[in-house]
PDB file of N, CA and C in Angstrom:
ATOM      1  N   MET A   1     -29.444  19.433  55.395  1.00  0.00           N
ATOM      2  CA  MET A   1     -29.213  19.914  56.736  1.00  0.00           C
ATOM      3  C   MET A   1     -30.099  21.141  56.974  1.00  0.00           C
ATOM      4  N   SER A   2     -30.611  21.259  58.148  1.00  0.00           N
ATOM      5  CA  SER A   2     -31.489  22.367  58.495  1.00  0.00           C
ATOM      6  C   SER A   2     -30.707  23.676  58.556  1.00  0.00           C
ATOM      7  N   ALA A   3     -31.387  24.773  58.259  1.00  0.00           N
ATOM      8  CA  ALA A   3     -30.739  26.085  58.281  1.00  0.00           C
ATOM      9  C   ALA A   3     -30.379  26.509  59.699  1.00  0.00           C
ATOM     10  N   LEU A   4     -30.982  25.904  60.693  1.00  0.00           N
ATOM     11  CA  LEU A   4     -30.674  26.253  62.073  1.00  0.00           C
ATOM     12  C   LEU A   4     -29.324  25.711  62.517  1.00  0.00           C
ATOM     13  N   PHE A   5     -28.864  24.646  61.884  1.00  0.00           N
ATOM     14  CA  PHE A   5     -27.621  24.019  62.299  1.00  0.00           C
ATOM     15  C   PHE A   5     -26.439  24.388  61.416  1.00  0.00           C
ATOM     16  N   ASN A   6     -26.692  25.019  60.303  1.00  0.00           N
ATOM     17  CA  ASN A   6     -25.639  25.434  59.394  1.00  0.00           C
ATOM     18  C   ASN A   6     -25.541  26.956  59.463  1.00  0.00           C
ATOM     19  N   PHE A   7     -24.404  27.476  59.914  1.00  0.00           N
ATOM     20  CA  PHE A   7     -24.267  28.910  60.164  1.00  0.00           C
ATOM     21  C   PHE A   7     -24.401  29.729  58.883  1.00  0.00           C
ATOM     22  N   GLN A   8     -23.847  29.248  57.782  1.00  0.00           N
ATOM     23  CA  GLN A   8     -23.944  29.971  56.516  1.00  0.00           C
ATOM     24  C   GLN A   8     -25.398  30.066  56.057  1.00  0.00           C
ATOM     25  N   SER A   9     -26.155  29.002  56.205  1.00  0.00           N
ATOM     26  CA  SER A   9     -27.566  29.025  55.822  1.00  0.00           C
ATOM     27  C   SER A   9     -28.369  29.949  56.732  1.00  0.00           C
ATOM     28  N   LEU A  10     -28.037  29.965  58.008  1.00  0.00           N
ATOM     29  CA  LEU A  10     -28.718  30.856  58.942  1.00  0.00           C
ATOM     30  C   LEU A  10     -28.458  32.320  58.593  1.00  0.00           C
ATOM     31  N   LEU A  11     -27.218  32.646  58.254  1.00  0.00           N
ATOM     32  CA  LEU A  11     -26.899  34.014  57.830  1.00  0.00           C
ATOM     33  C   LEU A  11     -27.616  34.383  56.541  1.00  0.00           C
ATOM     34  N   THR A  12     -27.683  33.458  55.604  1.00  0.00           N
ATOM     35  CA  THR A  12     -28.364  33.719  54.345  1.00  0.00           C
ATOM     36  C   THR A  12     -29.845  33.990  54.564  1.00  0.00           C
ATOM     37  N   ILE A  13     -30.486  33.186  55.382  1.00  0.00           N
ATOM     38  CA  ILE A  13     -31.904  33.375  55.662  1.00  0.00           C
ATOM     39  C   ILE A  13     -32.146  34.685  56.397  1.00  0.00           C
ATOM     40  N   THR A  14     -31.277  35.038  57.323  1.00  0.00           N
ATOM     41  CA  THR A  14     -31.422  36.296  58.058  1.00  0.00           C
ATOM     42  C   THR A  14     -31.274  37.489  57.121  1.00  0.00           C
ATOM     43  N   LEU A  15     -30.278  37.458  56.245  1.00  0.00           N
ATOM     44  CA  LEU A  15     -30.095  38.552  55.287  1.00  0.00           C
ATOM     45  C   LEU A  15     -31.273  38.652  54.325  1.00  0.00           C
ATOM     46  N   LEU A  16     -31.778  37.525  53.867  1.00  0.00           N
ATOM     47  CA  LEU A  16     -32.940  37.550  52.984  1.00  0.00           C
ATOM     48  C   LEU A  16     -34.172  38.104  53.688  1.00  0.00           C
ATOM     49  N   LEU A  17     -34.354  37.760  54.956  1.00  0.00           N
ATOM     50  CA  LEU A  17     -35.484  38.279  55.727  1.00  0.00           C
ATOM     51  C   LEU A  17     -35.385  39.789  55.874  1.00  0.00           C
ATOM     52  N   ILE A  18     -34.203  40.290  56.216  1.00  0.00           N
ATOM     53  CA  ILE A  18     -34.009  41.727  56.394  1.00  0.00           C
ATOM     54  C   ILE A  18     -34.233  42.469  55.083  1.00  0.00           C
ATOM     55  N   CYS A  19     -33.660  41.974  53.999  1.00  0.00           N
ATOM     56  CA  CYS A  19     -33.806  42.650  52.705  1.00  0.00           C
ATOM     57  C   CYS A  19     -35.250  42.616  52.213  1.00  0.00           C
ATOM     58  N   THR A  20     -35.918  41.499  52.383  1.00  0.00           N
ATOM     59  CA  THR A  20     -37.303  41.380  51.935  1.00  0.00           C
ATOM     60  C   THR A  20     -38.221  42.290  52.733  1.00  0.00           C
ATOM     61  N   CYS A  21     -38.054  42.332  54.042  1.00  0.00           N
ATOM     62  CA  CYS A  21     -38.901  43.181  54.876  1.00  0.00           C
ATOM     63  C   CYS A  21     -38.670  44.656  54.588  1.00  0.00           C
ATOM     64  N   ALA A  22     -37.437  45.055  54.364  1.00  0.00           N
ATOM     65  CA  ALA A  22     -37.148  46.450  54.034  1.00  0.00           C
ATOM     66  C   ALA A  22     -37.752  46.817  52.682  1.00  0.00           C
ATOM     67  N   TYR A  23     -37.707  45.895  51.737  1.00  0.00           N
ATOM     68  CA  TYR A  23     -38.281  46.164  50.423  1.00  0.00           C
ATOM     69  C   TYR A  23     -39.800  46.278  50.509  1.00  0.00           C
ATOM     70  N   ILE A  24     -40.432  45.379  51.242  1.00  0.00           N
ATOM     71  CA  ILE A  24     -41.892  45.427  51.398  1.00  0.00           C
ATOM     72  C   ILE A  24     -42.309  46.710  52.099  1.00  0.00           C
ATOM     73  N   ARG A  25     -41.554  47.110  53.107  1.00  0.00           N
ATOM     74  CA  ARG A  25     -41.886  48.336  53.837  1.00  0.00           C
ATOM     75  C   ARG A  25     -41.703  49.567  52.967  1.00  0.00           C
ATOM     76  N   SER A  26     -40.765  49.535  52.021  1.00  0.00           N
ATOM     77  CA  SER A  26     -40.579  50.684  51.136  1.00  0.00           C
ATOM     78  C   SER A  26     -41.730  50.814  50.138  1.00  0.00           C
ATOM     79  N   LEU A  27     -42.381  49.714  49.798  1.00  0.00           N
ATOM     80  CA  LEU A  27     -43.489  49.751  48.845  1.00  0.00           C
ATOM     81  C   LEU A  27     -44.828  50.055  49.503  1.00  0.00           C
ATOM     82  N   THR A  28     -45.069  49.446  50.656  1.00  0.00           N
ATOM     83  CA  THR A  28     -46.364  49.593  51.316  1.00  0.00           C
ATOM     84  C   THR A  28     -46.159  49.894  52.795  1.00  0.00           C
ATOM     85  N   SER A  29     -47.234  50.219  53.461  1.00  0.00           N
ATOM     86  CA  SER A  29     -47.182  50.426  54.911  1.00  0.00           C
ATOM     87  C   SER A  29     -47.704  49.192  55.639  1.00  0.00           C
ATOM     88  N   LEU A  30     -47.562  48.049  55.014  1.00  0.00           N
ATOM     89  CA  LEU A  30     -48.082  46.801  55.563  1.00  0.00           C
ATOM     90  C   LEU A  30     -47.412  46.423  56.879  1.00  0.00           C
ATOM     91  N   LEU A  31     -46.136  46.698  57.024  1.00  0.00           N
ATOM     92  CA  LEU A  31     -45.408  46.297  58.225  1.00  0.00           C
ATOM     93  C   LEU A  31     -45.512  47.310  59.359  1.00  0.00           C
ATOM     94  N   ASP A  32     -46.101  48.475  59.096  1.00  0.00           N
ATOM     95  CA  ASP A  32     -46.197  49.503  60.132  1.00  0.00           C
ATOM     96  C   ASP A  32     -47.329  49.249  61.119  1.00  0.00           C
ATOM     97  N   ARG A  33     -48.227  48.359  60.790  1.00  0.00           N
ATOM     98  CA  ARG A  33     -49.396  48.128  61.642  1.00  0.00           C
ATOM     99  C   ARG A  33     -49.058  47.330  62.895  1.00  0.00           C
ATOM    100  N   ASN A  34     -48.240  46.314  62.754  1.00  0.00           N
ATOM    101  CA  ASN A  34     -47.954  45.404  63.866  1.00  0.00           C
ATOM    102  C   ASN A  34     -46.511  45.578  64.313  1.00  0.00           C
ATOM    103  N   LYS A  35     -46.333  46.266  65.432  1.00  0.00           N
ATOM    104  CA  LYS A  35     -44.976  46.489  65.942  1.00  0.00           C
ATOM    105  C   LYS A  35     -44.670  45.592  67.137  1.00  0.00           C
ATOM    106  N   THR A  36     -45.617  44.769  67.540  1.00  0.00           N
ATOM    107  CA  THR A  36     -45.403  43.861  68.662  1.00  0.00           C
ATOM    108  C   THR A  36     -45.784  42.447  68.243  1.00  0.00           C
ATOM    109  N   GLY A  37     -45.391  41.501  69.047  1.00  0.00           N
ATOM    110  CA  GLY A  37     -45.733  40.111  68.778  1.00  0.00           C
ATOM    111  C   GLY A  37     -44.878  39.497  67.698  1.00  0.00           C
ATOM    112  N   PHE A  38     -45.402  38.442  67.103  1.00  0.00           N
ATOM    113  CA  PHE A  38     -44.657  37.721  66.075  1.00  0.00           C
ATOM    114  C   PHE A  38     -44.429  38.577  64.841  1.00  0.00           C
ATOM    115  N   LEU A  39     -45.439  39.348  64.431  1.00  0.00           N
ATOM    116  CA  LEU A  39     -45.289  40.193  63.253  1.00  0.00           C
ATOM    117  C   LEU A  39     -44.354  41.372  63.512  1.00  0.00           C
ATOM    118  N   GLY A  40     -44.085  41.668  64.771  1.00  0.00           N
ATOM    119  CA  GLY A  40     -43.121  42.700  65.103  1.00  0.00           C
ATOM    120  C   GLY A  40     -41.716  42.332  64.675  1.00  0.00           C
ATOM    121  N   LEU A  41     -41.443  41.047  64.547  1.00  0.00           N
ATOM    122  CA  LEU A  41     -40.146  40.588  64.044  1.00  0.00           C
ATOM    123  C   LEU A  41     -39.887  41.116  62.637  1.00  0.00           C
ATOM    124  N   PHE A  42     -40.923  41.120  61.804  1.00  0.00           N
ATOM    125  CA  PHE A  42     -40.776  41.616  60.440  1.00  0.00           C
ATOM    126  C   PHE A  42     -40.598  43.132  60.429  1.00  0.00           C
ATOM    127  N   TRP A  43     -41.303  43.841  61.317  1.00  0.00           N
ATOM    128  CA  TRP A  43     -41.138  45.292  61.422  1.00  0.00           C
ATOM    129  C   TRP A  43     -39.722  45.637  61.866  1.00  0.00           C
ATOM    130  N   LYS A  44     -39.201  44.888  62.847  1.00  0.00           N
ATOM    131  CA  LYS A  44     -37.838  45.130  63.326  1.00  0.00           C
ATOM    132  C   LYS A  44     -36.814  44.813  62.248  1.00  0.00           C
ATOM    133  N   SER A  45     -37.059  43.773  61.483  1.00  0.00           N
ATOM    134  CA  SER A  45     -36.154  43.438  60.377  1.00  0.00           C
ATOM    135  C   SER A  45     -36.149  44.543  59.332  1.00  0.00           C
ATOM    136  N   ALA A  46     -37.306  45.122  59.061  1.00  0.00           N
ATOM    137  CA  ALA A  46     -37.380  46.220  58.103  1.00  0.00           C
ATOM    138  C   ALA A  46     -36.630  47.444  58.619  1.00  0.00           C
ATOM    139  N   ARG A  47     -36.729  47.720  59.897  1.00  0.00           N
ATOM    140  CA  ARG A  47     -36.009  48.855  60.478  1.00  0.00           C
ATOM    141  C   ARG A  47     -34.500  48.661  60.394  1.00  0.00           C
ATOM    142  N   ILE A  48     -34.044  47.443  60.656  1.00  0.00           N
ATOM    143  CA  ILE A  48     -32.614  47.147  60.536  1.00  0.00           C
ATOM    144  C   ILE A  48     -32.173  47.331  59.092  1.00  0.00           C
ATOM    145  N   GLY A  49     -32.977  46.859  58.150  1.00  0.00           N
ATOM    146  CA  GLY A  49     -32.648  47.002  56.738  1.00  0.00           C
ATOM    147  C   GLY A  49     -32.593  48.442  56.280  1.00  0.00           C
ATOM    148  N   GLU A  50     -33.436  49.289  56.864  1.00  0.00           N
ATOM    149  CA  GLU A  50     -33.433  50.702  56.485  1.00  0.00           C
ATOM    150  C   GLU A  50     -32.265  51.448  57.109  1.00  0.00           C
ATOM    151  N   ARG A  51     -32.017  51.231  58.361  1.00  0.00           N
ATOM    152  CA  ARG A  51     -30.998  51.996  59.075  1.00  0.00           C
ATOM    153  C   ARG A  51     -29.584  51.532  58.764  1.00  0.00           C
ATOM    154  N   LYS A  52     -29.402  50.270  58.547  1.00  0.00           N
ATOM    155  CA  LYS A  52     -28.072  49.710  58.278  1.00  0.00           C
ATOM    156  C   LYS A  52     -27.963  49.224  56.838  1.00  0.00           C
ATOM    157  N   SER A  53     -28.560  49.949  55.916  1.00  0.00           N
ATOM    158  CA  SER A  53     -28.663  49.455  54.548  1.00  0.00           C
ATOM    159  C   SER A  53     -27.302  49.263  53.878  1.00  0.00           C
ATOM    160  N   GLN A  54     -26.315  50.106  54.187  1.00  0.00           N
ATOM    161  CA  GLN A  54     -25.002  49.940  53.570  1.00  0.00           C
ATOM    162  C   GLN A  54     -24.353  48.641  54.029  1.00  0.00           C
ATOM    163  N   TYR A  55     -24.438  48.369  55.314  1.00  0.00           N
ATOM    164  CA  TYR A  55     -23.828  47.154  55.862  1.00  0.00           C
ATOM    165  C   TYR A  55     -24.561  45.900  55.391  1.00  0.00           C
ATOM    166  N   ILE A  56     -25.873  45.985  55.298  1.00  0.00           N
ATOM    167  CA  ILE A  56     -26.657  44.849  54.812  1.00  0.00           C
ATOM    168  C   ILE A  56     -26.335  44.588  53.346  1.00  0.00           C
ATOM    169  N   ALA A  57     -26.198  45.634  52.546  1.00  0.00           N
ATOM    170  CA  ALA A  57     -25.871  45.464  51.130  1.00  0.00           C
ATOM    171  C   ALA A  57     -24.499  44.826  50.946  1.00  0.00           C
ATOM    172  N   VAL A  58     -23.521  45.288  51.715  1.00  0.00           N
ATOM    173  CA  VAL A  58     -22.183  44.695  51.635  1.00  0.00           C
ATOM    174  C   VAL A  58     -22.215  43.236  52.091  1.00  0.00           C
ATOM    175  N   SER A  59     -22.973  42.957  53.129  1.00  0.00           N
ATOM    176  CA  SER A  59     -23.101  41.578  53.608  1.00  0.00           C
ATOM    177  C   SER A  59     -23.753  40.689  52.559  1.00  0.00           C
ATOM    178  N   CYS A  60     -24.762  41.209  51.863  1.00  0.00           N
ATOM    179  CA  CYS A  60     -25.407  40.429  50.808  1.00  0.00           C
ATOM    180  C   CYS A  60     -24.445  40.136  49.657  1.00  0.00           C
ATOM    181  N   VAL A  61     -23.614  41.110  49.301  1.00  0.00           N
ATOM    182  CA  VAL A  61     -22.640  40.886  48.225  1.00  0.00           C
ATOM    183  C   VAL A  61     -21.615  39.836  48.635  1.00  0.00           C
ATOM    184  N   PHE A  62     -21.090  39.955  49.852  1.00  0.00           N
ATOM    185  CA  PHE A  62     -20.126  38.956  50.325  1.00  0.00           C
ATOM    186  C   PHE A  62     -20.749  37.567  50.427  1.00  0.00           C
ATOM    187  N   MET A  63     -22.004  37.500  50.865  1.00  0.00           N
ATOM    188  CA  MET A  63     -22.671  36.197  50.968  1.00  0.00           C
ATOM    189  C   MET A  63     -22.908  35.615  49.577  1.00  0.00           C
ATOM    190  N   ALA A  64     -23.261  36.450  48.609  1.00  0.00           N
ATOM    191  CA  ALA A  64     -23.467  35.956  47.243  1.00  0.00           C
ATOM    192  C   ALA A  64     -22.171  35.424  46.644  1.00  0.00           C
ATOM    193  N   ILE A  65     -21.080  36.149  46.856  1.00  0.00           N
ATOM    194  CA  ILE A  65     -19.781  35.686  46.362  1.00  0.00           C
ATOM    195  C   ILE A  65     -19.382  34.385  47.041  1.00  0.00           C
ATOM    196  N   ASN A  66     -19.624  34.312  48.327  1.00  0.00           N
ATOM    197  CA  ASN A  66     -19.297  33.103  49.076  1.00  0.00           C
ATOM    198  C   ASN A  66     -20.107  31.913  48.576  1.00  0.00           C
ATOM    199  N   ILE A  67     -21.382  32.115  48.328  1.00  0.00           N
ATOM    200  CA  ILE A  67     -22.227  31.011  47.865  1.00  0.00           C
ATOM    201  C   ILE A  67     -21.849  30.603  46.447  1.00  0.00           C
ATOM    202  N   LEU A  68     -21.570  31.585  45.588  1.00  0.00           N
ATOM    203  CA  LEU A  68     -21.281  31.275  44.190  1.00  0.00           C
ATOM    204  C   LEU A  68     -19.935  30.594  43.990  1.00  0.00           C
ATOM    205  N   PHE A  69     -18.927  31.020  44.727  1.00  0.00           N
ATOM    206  CA  PHE A  69     -17.591  30.550  44.430  1.00  0.00           C
ATOM    207  C   PHE A  69     -17.003  29.567  45.448  1.00  0.00           C
ATOM    208  N   TRP A  70     -17.460  29.587  46.686  1.00  0.00           N
ATOM    209  CA  TRP A  70     -16.840  28.727  47.687  1.00  0.00           C
ATOM    210  C   TRP A  70     -17.749  27.671  48.291  1.00  0.00           C
ATOM    211  N   SER A  71     -18.947  27.541  47.795  1.00  0.00           N
ATOM    212  CA  SER A  71     -19.838  26.502  48.341  1.00  0.00           C
ATOM    213  C   SER A  71     -19.835  25.265  47.501  1.00  0.00           C
TER     214      SER A  71
END
């Protein structure tokens, strides 16, 4: 089933995108160049990951537990 039609898969992909973009932005300034257009999505995801890092971390833990034990 496609990740677009399964809500749990969509949440997992969104959390992975946010965490990956925040990690890449912490290592390099690669995402700071393009703040508009399609690549702006990755910059915005990195900003969400930085500003809401506690909530994203808790969400990742709950999603991991959900995938490991209830899927």
